Amino acid sequence: MHTSDSENDAKYFEELTRLNNELVNVQRALAKKQEELRQANDQLEATVQLRTAQLAVSNEQLARTNAKLVEALAAAQTANSAKSEFLSHISHELLTPLNAILGFGQILESRDLGEVENESVAHILKGGHRLHDLIKEIMDISCAHNGTPLE
């Protein structure tokens, strides 16, 4: 029986040695994987920091661009208002005397005039109506571009 205990002890010791070696191998593999994970984490952290810095630069550029666009929009709106006001005033300044000319032309047209005078009055009225139509077209186009109703 003594030999048998000794054989069992040897087998037990051999099994413990084998298990210990496996455990050591598993620990080494685990340590290797942990190091790989740490390196991957460090690389990922560096990438995140780089991308964050790039995004900060992009955000600054976008903020500057946005500020310029806001200024440009304000300038465009101011210019558009000035243009609309100018067209409103100029159309009034042109249409008021033009309407007077057309009115007097119509009065002359209803009078007994000579052939040459009637022809001259017809030219005055034709040119006046053409000019009136052009001013109205300009106003219509301007209002269509502004999105404002015609006054």
C-alpha atoms as a PDB file:
ATOM      1  CA  MET A   1       0.000   0.000   0.000  1.00  0.00           C
ATOM      2  CA  HIS A   2       2.876   2.240   0.609  1.00  0.00           C
ATOM      3  CA  THR A   3       3.859   2.212  -3.070  1.00  0.00           C
ATOM      4  CA  SER A   4       0.390   2.980  -4.092  1.00  0.00           C
ATOM      5  CA  ASP A   5       0.265   6.071  -1.874  1.00  0.00           C
ATOM      6  CA  SER A   6       3.553   7.144  -3.291  1.00  0.00           C
ATOM      7  CA  GLU A   7       2.282   6.623  -6.844  1.00  0.00           C
ATOM      8  CA  ASN A   8      -0.868   8.527  -6.024  1.00  0.00           C
ATOM      9  CA  ASP A   9       1.179  11.308  -4.518  1.00  0.00           C
ATOM     10  CA  ALA A  10       3.364  11.420  -7.646  1.00  0.00           C
ATOM     11  CA  LYS A  11       0.320  11.505  -9.915  1.00  0.00           C
ATOM     12  CA  TYR A  12      -1.281  14.124  -7.695  1.00  0.00           C
ATOM     13  CA  PHE A  13       1.920  16.169  -7.737  1.00  0.00           C
ATOM     14  CA  GLU A  14       2.191  15.754 -11.508  1.00  0.00           C
ATOM     15  CA  GLU A  15      -1.436  16.901 -11.954  1.00  0.00           C
ATOM     16  CA  LEU A  16      -0.812  19.890  -9.669  1.00  0.00           C
ATOM     17  CA  THR A  17       2.301  20.790 -11.664  1.00  0.00           C
ATOM     18  CA  ARG A  18       0.394  20.517 -14.950  1.00  0.00           C
ATOM     19  CA  LEU A  19      -2.473  22.640 -13.574  1.00  0.00           C
ATOM     20  CA  ASN A  20      -0.017  25.143 -12.187  1.00  0.00           C
ATOM     21  CA  ASN A  21       1.705  25.391 -15.591  1.00  0.00           C
ATOM     22  CA  GLU A  22      -1.663  25.899 -17.279  1.00  0.00           C
ATOM     23  CA  LEU A  23      -2.526  28.550 -14.726  1.00  0.00           C
ATOM     24  CA  VAL A  24       0.795  30.307 -15.365  1.00  0.00           C
ATOM     25  CA  ASN A  25       0.131  30.152 -19.128  1.00  0.00           C
ATOM     26  CA  VAL A  26      -3.370  31.553 -18.640  1.00  0.00           C
ATOM     27  CA  GLN A  27      -1.971  34.329 -16.422  1.00  0.00           C
ATOM     28  CA  ARG A  28       0.652  35.171 -19.069  1.00  0.00           C
ATOM     29  CA  ALA A  29      -1.987  35.188 -21.807  1.00  0.00           C
ATOM     30  CA  LEU A  30      -4.222  37.346 -19.626  1.00  0.00           C
ATOM     31  CA  ALA A  31      -1.355  39.761 -18.918  1.00  0.00           C
ATOM     32  CA  LYS A  32      -0.593  39.926 -22.646  1.00  0.00           C
ATOM     33  CA  LYS A  33      -4.250  40.645 -23.465  1.00  0.00           C
ATOM     34  CA  GLN A  34      -4.392  43.268 -20.711  1.00  0.00           C
ATOM     35  CA  GLU A  35      -1.333  44.979 -22.193  1.00  0.00           C
ATOM     36  CA  GLU A  36      -2.893  44.855 -25.672  1.00  0.00           C
ATOM     37  CA  LEU A  37      -6.098  46.308 -24.234  1.00  0.00           C
ATOM     38  CA  ARG A  38      -4.148  49.072 -22.464  1.00  0.00           C
ATOM     39  CA  GLN A  39      -2.318  49.930 -25.694  1.00  0.00           C
ATOM     40  CA  ALA A  40      -5.576  49.955 -27.662  1.00  0.00           C
ATOM     41  CA  ASN A  41      -7.149  52.140 -24.978  1.00  0.00           C
ATOM     42  CA  ASP A  42      -4.171  54.541 -25.095  1.00  0.00           C
ATOM     43  CA  GLN A  43      -4.402  54.688 -28.885  1.00  0.00           C
ATOM     44  CA  LEU A  44      -8.138  55.273 -28.730  1.00  0.00           C
ATOM     45  CA  GLU A  45      -7.691  58.012 -26.125  1.00  0.00           C
ATOM     46  CA  ALA A  46      -5.066  59.711 -28.327  1.00  0.00           C
ATOM     47  CA  THR A  47      -7.426  59.495 -31.315  1.00  0.00           C
ATOM     48  CA  VAL A  48     -10.288  60.972 -29.270  1.00  0.00           C
ATOM     49  CA  GLN A  49      -8.062  63.840 -28.104  1.00  0.00           C
ATOM     50  CA  LEU A  50      -6.933  64.520 -31.684  1.00  0.00           C
ATOM     51  CA  ARG A  51     -10.502  64.461 -33.013  1.00  0.00           C
ATOM     52  CA  THR A  52     -11.680  66.660 -30.147  1.00  0.00           C
ATOM     53  CA  ALA A  53      -8.981  69.213 -30.981  1.00  0.00           C
ATOM     54  CA  GLN A  54      -9.923  69.063 -34.673  1.00  0.00           C
ATOM     55  CA  LEU A  55     -13.595  69.556 -33.792  1.00  0.00           C
ATOM     56  CA  ALA A  56     -12.722  72.536 -31.598  1.00  0.00           C
ATOM     57  CA  VAL A  57     -10.873  74.133 -34.529  1.00  0.00           C
ATOM     58  CA  SER A  58     -13.786  73.361 -36.862  1.00  0.00           C
ATOM     59  CA  ASN A  59     -16.262  74.807 -34.358  1.00  0.00           C
ATOM     60  CA  GLU A  60     -14.214  78.007 -34.098  1.00  0.00           C
ATOM     61  CA  GLN A  61     -14.105  78.287 -37.895  1.00  0.00           C
ATOM     62  CA  LEU A  62     -17.852  77.657 -38.110  1.00  0.00           C
ATOM     63  CA  ALA A  63     -18.521  80.265 -35.437  1.00  0.00           C
ATOM     64  CA  ARG A  64     -16.440  82.840 -37.336  1.00  0.00           C
ATOM     65  CA  THR A  65     -18.145  81.932 -40.606  1.00  0.00           C
ATOM     66  CA  ASN A  66     -21.550  82.115 -38.943  1.00  0.00           C
ATOM     67  CA  ALA A  67     -20.750  85.560 -37.518  1.00  0.00           C
ATOM     68  CA  LYS A  68     -19.689  86.740 -40.983  1.00  0.00           C
ATOM     69  CA  LEU A  69     -22.873  85.326 -42.481  1.00  0.00           C
ATOM     70  CA  VAL A  70     -24.984  87.073 -39.846  1.00  0.00           C
ATOM     71  CA  GLU A  71     -23.211  90.351 -40.659  1.00  0.00           C
ATOM     72  CA  ALA A  72     -23.636  89.759 -44.394  1.00  0.00           C
ATOM     73  CA  LEU A  73     -27.320  88.978 -43.917  1.00  0.00           C
ATOM     74  CA  ALA A  74     -27.820  92.156 -41.903  1.00  0.00           C
ATOM     75  CA  ALA A  75     -25.999  94.154 -44.580  1.00  0.00           C
ATOM     76  CA  ALA A  76     -28.079  92.516 -47.322  1.00  0.00           C
ATOM     77  CA  GLN A  77     -31.292  93.244 -45.444  1.00  0.00           C
ATOM     78  CA  THR A  78     -30.242  96.858 -44.944  1.00  0.00           C
ATOM     79  CA  ALA A  79     -29.355  97.179 -48.623  1.00  0.00           C
ATOM     80  CA  ASN A  80     -32.634  95.543 -49.614  1.00  0.00           C
ATOM     81  CA  SER A  81     -34.591  97.954 -47.410  1.00  0.00           C
ATOM     82  CA  ALA A  82     -32.693 100.893 -48.896  1.00  0.00           C
ATOM     83  CA  LYS A  83     -33.377  99.603 -52.407  1.00  0.00           C
ATOM     84  CA  SER A  84     -37.079  99.158 -51.645  1.00  0.00           C
ATOM     85  CA  GLU A  85     -37.297 102.627 -50.153  1.00  0.00           C
ATOM     86  CA  PHE A  86     -35.429 104.082 -53.122  1.00  0.00           C
ATOM     87  CA  LEU A  87     -37.732 102.364 -55.609  1.00  0.00           C
ATOM     88  CA  SER A  88     -40.788 103.478 -53.698  1.00  0.00           C
ATOM     89  CA  HIS A  89     -39.634 107.097 -53.687  1.00  0.00           C
ATOM     90  CA  ILE A  90     -38.373 107.099 -57.259  1.00  0.00           C
ATOM     91  CA  SER A  91     -41.538 105.490 -58.570  1.00  0.00           C
ATOM     92  CA  HIS A  92     -43.610 108.119 -56.787  1.00  0.00           C
ATOM     93  CA  GLU A  93     -41.328 110.878 -58.098  1.00  0.00           C
ATOM     94  CA  LEU A  94     -41.639 109.505 -61.652  1.00  0.00           C
ATOM     95  CA  LEU A  95     -45.287 108.490 -61.652  1.00  0.00           C
ATOM     96  CA  THR A  96     -46.680 111.716 -60.187  1.00  0.00           C
ATOM     97  CA  PRO A  97     -45.448 114.005 -62.990  1.00  0.00           C
ATOM     98  CA  LEU A  98     -45.999 111.258 -65.578  1.00  0.00           C
ATOM     99  CA  ASN A  99     -49.646 110.984 -64.559  1.00  0.00           C
ATOM    100  CA  ALA A 100     -49.944 114.753 -64.916  1.00  0.00           C
ATOM    101  CA  ILE A 101     -48.422 114.573 -68.414  1.00  0.00           C
ATOM    102  CA  LEU A 102     -50.784 111.752 -69.378  1.00  0.00           C
ATOM    103  CA  GLY A 103     -53.753 113.679 -67.955  1.00  0.00           C
ATOM    104  CA  PHE A 104     -52.900 116.807 -69.901  1.00  0.00           C
ATOM    105  CA  GLY A 105     -52.289 114.668 -73.003  1.00  0.00           C
ATOM    106  CA  GLN A 106     -55.754 113.176 -72.659  1.00  0.00           C
ATOM    107  CA  ILE A 107     -57.235 116.661 -72.277  1.00  0.00           C
ATOM    108  CA  LEU A 108     -55.403 117.781 -75.430  1.00  0.00           C
ATOM    109  CA  GLU A 109     -56.526 114.626 -77.221  1.00  0.00           C
ATOM    110  CA  SER A 110     -60.178 115.554 -76.586  1.00  0.00           C
ATOM    111  CA  ARG A 111     -59.720 119.052 -78.099  1.00  0.00           C
ATOM    112  CA  ASP A 112     -60.020 120.089 -81.672  1.00  0.00           C
ATOM    113  CA  LEU A 113     -56.411 120.291 -82.779  1.00  0.00           C
ATOM    114  CA  GLY A 114     -54.743 120.160 -86.131  1.00  0.00           C
ATOM    115  CA  GLU A 115     -53.441 116.965 -87.639  1.00  0.00           C
ATOM    116  CA  VAL A 116     -49.818 117.658 -86.635  1.00  0.00           C
ATOM    117  CA  GLU A 117     -50.804 118.529 -83.068  1.00  0.00           C
ATOM    118  CA  ASN A 118     -53.015 115.426 -82.755  1.00  0.00           C
ATOM    119  CA  GLU A 119     -50.111 113.319 -83.982  1.00  0.00           C
ATOM    120  CA  SER A 120     -47.785 114.953 -81.424  1.00  0.00           C
ATOM    121  CA  VAL A 121     -50.302 114.364 -78.622  1.00  0.00           C
ATOM    122  CA  ALA A 122     -50.629 110.710 -79.716  1.00  0.00           C
ATOM    123  CA  HIS A 123     -46.805 110.356 -79.488  1.00  0.00           C
ATOM    124  CA  ILE A 124     -46.815 111.979 -76.048  1.00  0.00           C
ATOM    125  CA  LEU A 125     -49.538 109.614 -74.814  1.00  0.00           C
ATOM    126  CA  LYS A 126     -47.931 106.548 -76.388  1.00  0.00           C
ATOM    127  CA  GLY A 127     -44.520 107.354 -74.843  1.00  0.00           C
ATOM    128  CA  GLY A 128     -46.127 108.232 -71.512  1.00  0.00           C
ATOM    129  CA  HIS A 129     -48.075 104.969 -71.369  1.00  0.00           C
ATOM    130  CA  ARG A 130     -44.931 103.023 -72.315  1.00  0.00           C
ATOM    131  CA  LEU A 131     -42.926 104.774 -69.595  1.00  0.00           C
ATOM    132  CA  HIS A 132     -45.763 104.182 -67.093  1.00  0.00           C
ATOM    133  CA  ASP A 133     -45.781 100.455 -67.982  1.00  0.00           C
ATOM    134  CA  LEU A 134     -41.979 100.211 -67.598  1.00  0.00           C
ATOM    135  CA  ILE A 135     -42.077 101.845 -64.164  1.00  0.00           C
ATOM    136  CA  LYS A 136     -44.847  99.475 -63.082  1.00  0.00           C
ATOM    137  CA  GLU A 137     -42.865  96.458 -64.403  1.00  0.00           C
ATOM    138  CA  ILE A 138     -39.794  97.553 -62.469  1.00  0.00           C
ATOM    139  CA  MET A 139     -41.909  97.907 -59.338  1.00  0.00           C
ATOM    140  CA  ASP A 140     -43.536  94.490 -59.910  1.00  0.00           C
ATOM    141  CA  ILE A 141     -40.150  92.800 -60.387  1.00  0.00           C
ATOM    142  CA  SER A 142     -38.738  94.541 -57.330  1.00  0.00           C
ATOM    143  CA  CYS A 143     -41.706  93.505 -55.209  1.00  0.00           C
ATOM    144  CA  ALA A 144     -41.510  89.927 -56.503  1.00  0.00           C
ATOM    145  CA  HIS A 145     -37.815  89.753 -55.532  1.00  0.00           C
ATOM    146  CA  ASN A 146     -38.520  91.240 -52.097  1.00  0.00           C
ATOM    147  CA  GLY A 147     -41.643  89.208 -51.506  1.00  0.00           C
ATOM    148  CA  THR A 148     -43.528  92.395 -50.656  1.00  0.00           C
ATOM    149  CA  PRO A 149     -46.905  93.384 -52.066  1.00  0.00           C
ATOM    150  CA  LEU A 150     -47.094  96.144 -54.633  1.00  0.00           C
ATOM    151  CA  GLU A 151     -48.066  99.488 -53.117  1.00  0.00           C
END
